Amino acid sequence: MMNFMMMTMATQISRAKRIVRMLERVLKKDHLYNEEELKLIREQLKVARNELARIQEQTSKGFG
């Protein structure tokens, strides 16, 4: 059971990192989006970063 939970957390971390990288790339191409869309993208990036930090904090063993 514990191994499955650790594997699931690793999957969540990698997925969150991938989403953060994707949103950062999208923001670099800001000329393709209007202000409303950019605002939404920035909000989603903030949420993704916070979620990633929360997941990493939960899985951290205190060695780093």
PDB file of N, CA and C in Angstrom:
ATOM      1  N   MET A   1       0.830  -1.197   0.000  1.00  0.00           N
ATOM      2  CA  MET A   1       0.000   0.000   0.000  1.00  0.00           C
ATOM      3  C   MET A   1       0.873   1.260   0.000  1.00  0.00           C
ATOM      4  N   MET A   2       1.906   1.277   0.822  1.00  0.00           N
ATOM      5  CA  MET A   2       2.761   2.456   0.913  1.00  0.00           C
ATOM      6  C   MET A   2       3.510   2.689  -0.394  1.00  0.00           C
ATOM      7  N   ASN A   3       3.965   1.608  -1.025  1.00  0.00           N
ATOM      8  CA  ASN A   3       4.681   1.733  -2.289  1.00  0.00           C
ATOM      9  C   ASN A   3       3.773   2.360  -3.348  1.00  0.00           C
ATOM     10  N   PHE A   4       2.525   1.948  -3.386  1.00  0.00           N
ATOM     11  CA  PHE A   4       1.563   2.517  -4.331  1.00  0.00           C
ATOM     12  C   PHE A   4       1.361   4.001  -4.073  1.00  0.00           C
ATOM     13  N   MET A   5       1.290   4.394  -2.797  1.00  0.00           N
ATOM     14  CA  MET A   5       1.092   5.805  -2.464  1.00  0.00           C
ATOM     15  C   MET A   5       2.302   6.626  -2.884  1.00  0.00           C
ATOM     16  N   MET A   6       3.501   6.103  -2.683  1.00  0.00           N
ATOM     17  CA  MET A   6       4.700   6.832  -3.081  1.00  0.00           C
ATOM     18  C   MET A   6       4.769   6.960  -4.602  1.00  0.00           C
ATOM     19  N   MET A   7       4.352   5.904  -5.301  1.00  0.00           N
ATOM     20  CA  MET A   7       4.343   5.955  -6.749  1.00  0.00           C
ATOM     21  C   MET A   7       3.324   6.986  -7.229  1.00  0.00           C
ATOM     22  N   THR A   8       2.186   7.044  -6.574  1.00  0.00           N
ATOM     23  CA  THR A   8       1.157   8.013  -6.934  1.00  0.00           C
ATOM     24  C   THR A   8       1.654   9.430  -6.683  1.00  0.00           C
ATOM     25  N   MET A   9       2.350   9.661  -5.574  1.00  0.00           N
ATOM     26  CA  MET A   9       2.890  10.989  -5.284  1.00  0.00           C
ATOM     27  C   MET A   9       3.932  11.376  -6.322  1.00  0.00           C
ATOM     28  N   ALA A  10       4.769  10.419  -6.721  1.00  0.00           N
ATOM     29  CA  ALA A  10       5.772  10.706  -7.746  1.00  0.00           C
ATOM     30  C   ALA A  10       5.089  11.091  -9.056  1.00  0.00           C
ATOM     31  N   THR A  11       4.006  10.411  -9.370  1.00  0.00           N
ATOM     32  CA  THR A  11       3.250  10.730 -10.575  1.00  0.00           C
ATOM     33  C   THR A  11       2.654  12.128 -10.469  1.00  0.00           C
ATOM     34  N   GLN A  12       2.116  12.467  -9.307  1.00  0.00           N
ATOM     35  CA  GLN A  12       1.537  13.795  -9.117  1.00  0.00           C
ATOM     36  C   GLN A  12       2.606  14.875  -9.238  1.00  0.00           C
ATOM     37  N   ILE A  13       3.777  14.623  -8.679  1.00  0.00           N
ATOM     38  CA  ILE A  13       4.865  15.603  -8.742  1.00  0.00           C
ATOM     39  C   ILE A  13       5.308  15.808 -10.179  1.00  0.00           C
ATOM     40  N   SER A  14       5.513  14.724 -10.910  1.00  0.00           N
ATOM     41  CA  SER A  14       5.969  14.865 -12.294  1.00  0.00           C
ATOM     42  C   SER A  14       4.900  15.543 -13.142  1.00  0.00           C
ATOM     43  N   ARG A  15       3.642  15.247 -12.887  1.00  0.00           N
ATOM     44  CA  ARG A  15       2.552  15.877 -13.631  1.00  0.00           C
ATOM     45  C   ARG A  15       2.486  17.373 -13.316  1.00  0.00           C
ATOM     46  N   ALA A  16       2.642  17.725 -12.054  1.00  0.00           N
ATOM     47  CA  ALA A  16       2.600  19.140 -11.662  1.00  0.00           C
ATOM     48  C   ALA A  16       3.787  19.894 -12.262  1.00  0.00           C
ATOM     49  N   LYS A  17       4.964  19.283 -12.259  1.00  0.00           N
ATOM     50  CA  LYS A  17       6.140  19.923 -12.856  1.00  0.00           C
ATOM     51  C   LYS A  17       5.935  20.139 -14.351  1.00  0.00           C
ATOM     52  N   ARG A  18       5.340  19.150 -15.003  1.00  0.00           N
ATOM     53  CA  ARG A  18       5.089  19.255 -16.438  1.00  0.00           C
ATOM     54  C   ARG A  18       4.096  20.374 -16.738  1.00  0.00           C
ATOM     55  N   ILE A  19       3.068  20.506 -15.919  1.00  0.00           N
ATOM     56  CA  ILE A  19       2.074  21.571 -16.096  1.00  0.00           C
ATOM     57  C   ILE A  19       2.708  22.942 -15.882  1.00  0.00           C
ATOM     58  N   VAL A  20       3.548  23.068 -14.853  1.00  0.00           N
ATOM     59  CA  VAL A  20       4.223  24.342 -14.583  1.00  0.00           C
ATOM     60  C   VAL A  20       5.105  24.726 -15.768  1.00  0.00           C
ATOM     61  N   ARG A  21       5.886  23.775 -16.274  1.00  0.00           N
ATOM     62  CA  ARG A  21       6.747  24.071 -17.427  1.00  0.00           C
ATOM     63  C   ARG A  21       5.928  24.479 -18.646  1.00  0.00           C
ATOM     64  N   MET A  22       4.812  23.790 -18.878  1.00  0.00           N
ATOM     65  CA  MET A  22       3.974  24.106 -20.025  1.00  0.00           C
ATOM     66  C   MET A  22       3.386  25.513 -19.905  1.00  0.00           C
ATOM     67  N   LEU A  23       2.880  25.858 -18.731  1.00  0.00           N
ATOM     68  CA  LEU A  23       2.300  27.187 -18.534  1.00  0.00           C
ATOM     69  C   LEU A  23       3.360  28.281 -18.667  1.00  0.00           C
ATOM     70  N   GLU A  24       4.571  28.017 -18.189  1.00  0.00           N
ATOM     71  CA  GLU A  24       5.650  28.995 -18.340  1.00  0.00           C
ATOM     72  C   GLU A  24       5.993  29.209 -19.814  1.00  0.00           C
ATOM     73  N   ARG A  25       5.991  28.126 -20.600  1.00  0.00           N
ATOM     74  CA  ARG A  25       6.247  28.261 -22.035  1.00  0.00           C
ATOM     75  C   ARG A  25       5.137  29.048 -22.721  1.00  0.00           C
ATOM     76  N   VAL A  26       3.905  28.811 -22.301  1.00  0.00           N
ATOM     77  CA  VAL A  26       2.763  29.529 -22.885  1.00  0.00           C
ATOM     78  C   VAL A  26       2.884  31.019 -22.594  1.00  0.00           C
ATOM     79  N   LEU A  27       3.291  31.373 -21.387  1.00  0.00           N
ATOM     80  CA  LEU A  27       3.426  32.792 -21.035  1.00  0.00           C
ATOM     81  C   LEU A  27       4.518  33.486 -21.831  1.00  0.00           C
ATOM     82  N   LYS A  28       5.521  32.750 -22.264  1.00  0.00           N
ATOM     83  CA  LYS A  28       6.568  33.360 -23.088  1.00  0.00           C
ATOM     84  C   LYS A  28       6.027  33.773 -24.450  1.00  0.00           C
ATOM     85  N   LYS A  29       4.937  33.149 -24.880  1.00  0.00           N
ATOM     86  CA  LYS A  29       4.312  33.486 -26.161  1.00  0.00           C
ATOM     87  C   LYS A  29       3.065  34.336 -25.918  1.00  0.00           C
ATOM     88  N   ASP A  30       3.227  35.346 -25.074  1.00  0.00           N
ATOM     89  CA  ASP A  30       2.093  36.159 -24.660  1.00  0.00           C
ATOM     90  C   ASP A  30       1.435  36.925 -25.796  1.00  0.00           C
ATOM     91  N   HIS A  31       2.149  37.114 -26.902  1.00  0.00           N
ATOM     92  CA  HIS A  31       1.554  37.833 -28.027  1.00  0.00           C
ATOM     93  C   HIS A  31       0.415  37.046 -28.688  1.00  0.00           C
ATOM     94  N   LEU A  32       0.287  35.772 -28.361  1.00  0.00           N
ATOM     95  CA  LEU A  32      -0.764  34.941 -28.944  1.00  0.00           C
ATOM     96  C   LEU A  32      -2.079  35.004 -28.170  1.00  0.00           C
ATOM     97  N   TYR A  33      -2.069  35.620 -27.000  1.00  0.00           N
ATOM     98  CA  TYR A  33      -3.228  35.589 -26.114  1.00  0.00           C
ATOM     99  C   TYR A  33      -3.655  36.998 -25.739  1.00  0.00           C
ATOM    100  N   ASN A  34      -4.956  37.142 -25.453  1.00  0.00           N
ATOM    101  CA  ASN A  34      -5.440  38.441 -24.999  1.00  0.00           C
ATOM    102  C   ASN A  34      -5.244  38.546 -23.485  1.00  0.00           C
ATOM    103  N   GLU A  35      -5.560  39.705 -22.931  1.00  0.00           N
ATOM    104  CA  GLU A  35      -5.295  39.967 -21.505  1.00  0.00           C
ATOM    105  C   GLU A  35      -6.074  39.035 -20.578  1.00  0.00           C
ATOM    106  N   GLU A  36      -7.315  38.727 -20.921  1.00  0.00           N
ATOM    107  CA  GLU A  36      -8.105  37.823 -20.076  1.00  0.00           C
ATOM    108  C   GLU A  36      -7.479  36.438 -20.023  1.00  0.00           C
ATOM    109  N   GLU A  37      -7.051  35.949 -21.180  1.00  0.00           N
ATOM    110  CA  GLU A  37      -6.436  34.628 -21.233  1.00  0.00           C
ATOM    111  C   GLU A  37      -5.109  34.612 -20.481  1.00  0.00           C
ATOM    112  N   LEU A  38      -4.331  35.663 -20.614  1.00  0.00           N
ATOM    113  CA  LEU A  38      -3.057  35.739 -19.893  1.00  0.00           C
ATOM    114  C   LEU A  38      -3.278  35.767 -18.388  1.00  0.00           C
ATOM    115  N   LYS A  39      -4.305  36.486 -17.947  1.00  0.00           N
ATOM    116  CA  LYS A  39      -4.616  36.534 -16.525  1.00  0.00           C
ATOM    117  C   LYS A  39      -4.979  35.141 -16.018  1.00  0.00           C
ATOM    118  N   LEU A  40      -5.794  34.423 -16.789  1.00  0.00           N
ATOM    119  CA  LEU A  40      -6.187  33.066 -16.412  1.00  0.00           C
ATOM    120  C   LEU A  40      -4.969  32.137 -16.375  1.00  0.00           C
ATOM    121  N   ILE A  41      -4.087  32.262 -17.347  1.00  0.00           N
ATOM    122  CA  ILE A  41      -2.886  31.427 -17.391  1.00  0.00           C
ATOM    123  C   ILE A  41      -2.001  31.707 -16.183  1.00  0.00           C
ATOM    124  N   ARG A  42      -1.834  32.971 -15.835  1.00  0.00           N
ATOM    125  CA  ARG A  42      -1.012  33.326 -14.657  1.00  0.00           C
ATOM    126  C   ARG A  42      -1.622  32.766 -13.371  1.00  0.00           C
ATOM    127  N   GLU A  43      -2.954  32.837 -13.264  1.00  0.00           N
ATOM    128  CA  GLU A  43      -3.623  32.287 -12.081  1.00  0.00           C
ATOM    129  C   GLU A  43      -3.412  30.779 -12.000  1.00  0.00           C
ATOM    130  N   GLN A  44      -3.540  30.098 -13.136  1.00  0.00           N
ATOM    131  CA  GLN A  44      -3.355  28.654 -13.149  1.00  0.00           C
ATOM    132  C   GLN A  44      -1.907  28.275 -12.836  1.00  0.00           C
ATOM    133  N   LEU A  45      -0.967  29.076 -13.297  1.00  0.00           N
ATOM    134  CA  LEU A  45       0.441  28.833 -12.993  1.00  0.00           C
ATOM    135  C   LEU A  45       0.697  28.965 -11.497  1.00  0.00           C
ATOM    136  N   LYS A  46       0.100  29.978 -10.891  1.00  0.00           N
ATOM    137  CA  LYS A  46       0.255  30.171  -9.444  1.00  0.00           C
ATOM    138  C   LYS A  46      -0.322  28.984  -8.681  1.00  0.00           C
ATOM    139  N   VAL A  47      -1.499  28.521  -9.086  1.00  0.00           N
ATOM    140  CA  VAL A  47      -2.128  27.370  -8.440  1.00  0.00           C
ATOM    141  C   VAL A  47      -1.259  26.123  -8.607  1.00  0.00           C
ATOM    142  N   ALA A  48      -0.748  25.913  -9.816  1.00  0.00           N
ATOM    143  CA  ALA A  48       0.086  24.731 -10.071  1.00  0.00           C
ATOM    144  C   ALA A  48       1.363  24.768  -9.244  1.00  0.00           C
ATOM    145  N   ARG A  49       1.990  25.937  -9.149  1.00  0.00           N
ATOM    146  CA  ARG A  49       3.211  26.048  -8.332  1.00  0.00           C
ATOM    147  C   ARG A  49       2.918  25.784  -6.859  1.00  0.00           C
ATOM    148  N   ASN A  50       1.816  26.319  -6.366  1.00  0.00           N
ATOM    149  CA  ASN A  50       1.444  26.090  -4.966  1.00  0.00           C
ATOM    150  C   ASN A  50       1.146  24.615  -4.712  1.00  0.00           C
ATOM    151  N   GLU A  51       0.453  23.991  -5.635  1.00  0.00           N
ATOM    152  CA  GLU A  51       0.128  22.570  -5.492  1.00  0.00           C
ATOM    153  C   GLU A  51       1.402  21.728  -5.530  1.00  0.00           C
ATOM    154  N   LEU A  52       2.320  22.065  -6.407  1.00  0.00           N
ATOM    155  CA  LEU A  52       3.589  21.352  -6.485  1.00  0.00           C
ATOM    156  C   LEU A  52       4.362  21.493  -5.177  1.00  0.00           C
ATOM    157  N   ALA A  53       4.413  22.692  -4.648  1.00  0.00           N
ATOM    158  CA  ALA A  53       5.110  22.912  -3.377  1.00  0.00           C
ATOM    159  C   ALA A  53       4.460  22.116  -2.250  1.00  0.00           C
ATOM    160  N   ARG A  54       3.135  22.067  -2.235  1.00  0.00           N
ATOM    161  CA  ARG A  54       2.421  21.317  -1.199  1.00  0.00           C
ATOM    162  C   ARG A  54       2.710  19.825  -1.301  1.00  0.00           C
ATOM    163  N   ILE A  55       2.687  19.292  -2.510  1.00  0.00           N
ATOM    164  CA  ILE A  55       2.951  17.865  -2.709  1.00  0.00           C
ATOM    165  C   ILE A  55       4.386  17.533  -2.326  1.00  0.00           C
ATOM    166  N   GLN A  56       5.325  18.384  -2.734  1.00  0.00           N
ATOM    167  CA  GLN A  56       6.727  18.125  -2.398  1.00  0.00           C
ATOM    168  C   GLN A  56       6.955  18.210  -0.894  1.00  0.00           C
ATOM    169  N   GLU A  57       6.260  19.116  -0.245  1.00  0.00           N
ATOM    170  CA  GLU A  57       6.390  19.232   1.213  1.00  0.00           C
ATOM    171  C   GLU A  57       5.871  17.977   1.902  1.00  0.00           C
ATOM    172  N   GLN A  58       4.787  17.418   1.407  1.00  0.00           N
ATOM    173  CA  GLN A  58       4.219  16.211   1.998  1.00  0.00           C
ATOM    174  C   GLN A  58       5.125  15.011   1.813  1.00  0.00           C
ATOM    175  N   THR A  59       5.811  14.954   0.671  1.00  0.00           N
ATOM    176  CA  THR A  59       6.627  13.778   0.374  1.00  0.00           C
ATOM    177  C   THR A  59       8.073  13.950   0.836  1.00  0.00           C
ATOM    178  N   SER A  60       8.457  15.132   1.271  1.00  0.00           N
ATOM    179  CA  SER A  60       9.817  15.385   1.701  1.00  0.00           C
ATOM    180  C   SER A  60      10.134  14.588   2.961  1.00  0.00           C
ATOM    181  N   LYS A  61      11.341  14.061   2.992  1.00  0.00           N
ATOM    182  CA  LYS A  61      11.763  13.307   4.174  1.00  0.00           C
ATOM    183  C   LYS A  61      12.678  14.146   5.050  1.00  0.00           C
ATOM    184  N   GLY A  62      12.873  15.406   4.694  1.00  0.00           N
ATOM    185  CA  GLY A  62      13.649  16.295   5.531  1.00  0.00           C
ATOM    186  C   GLY A  62      15.135  16.262   5.306  1.00  0.00           C
ATOM    187  N   PHE A  63      15.586  15.685   4.209  1.00  0.00           N
ATOM    188  CA  PHE A  63      17.017  15.590   3.955  1.00  0.00           C
ATOM    189  C   PHE A  63      17.527  16.663   3.019  1.00  0.00           C
ATOM    190  N   GLY A  64      16.651  17.507   2.509  1.00  0.00           N
ATOM    191  CA  GLY A  64      17.154  18.446   1.534  1.00  0.00           C
ATOM    192  C   GLY A  64      16.522  19.726   1.678  1.00  0.00           C
TER     193      GLY A  64
END
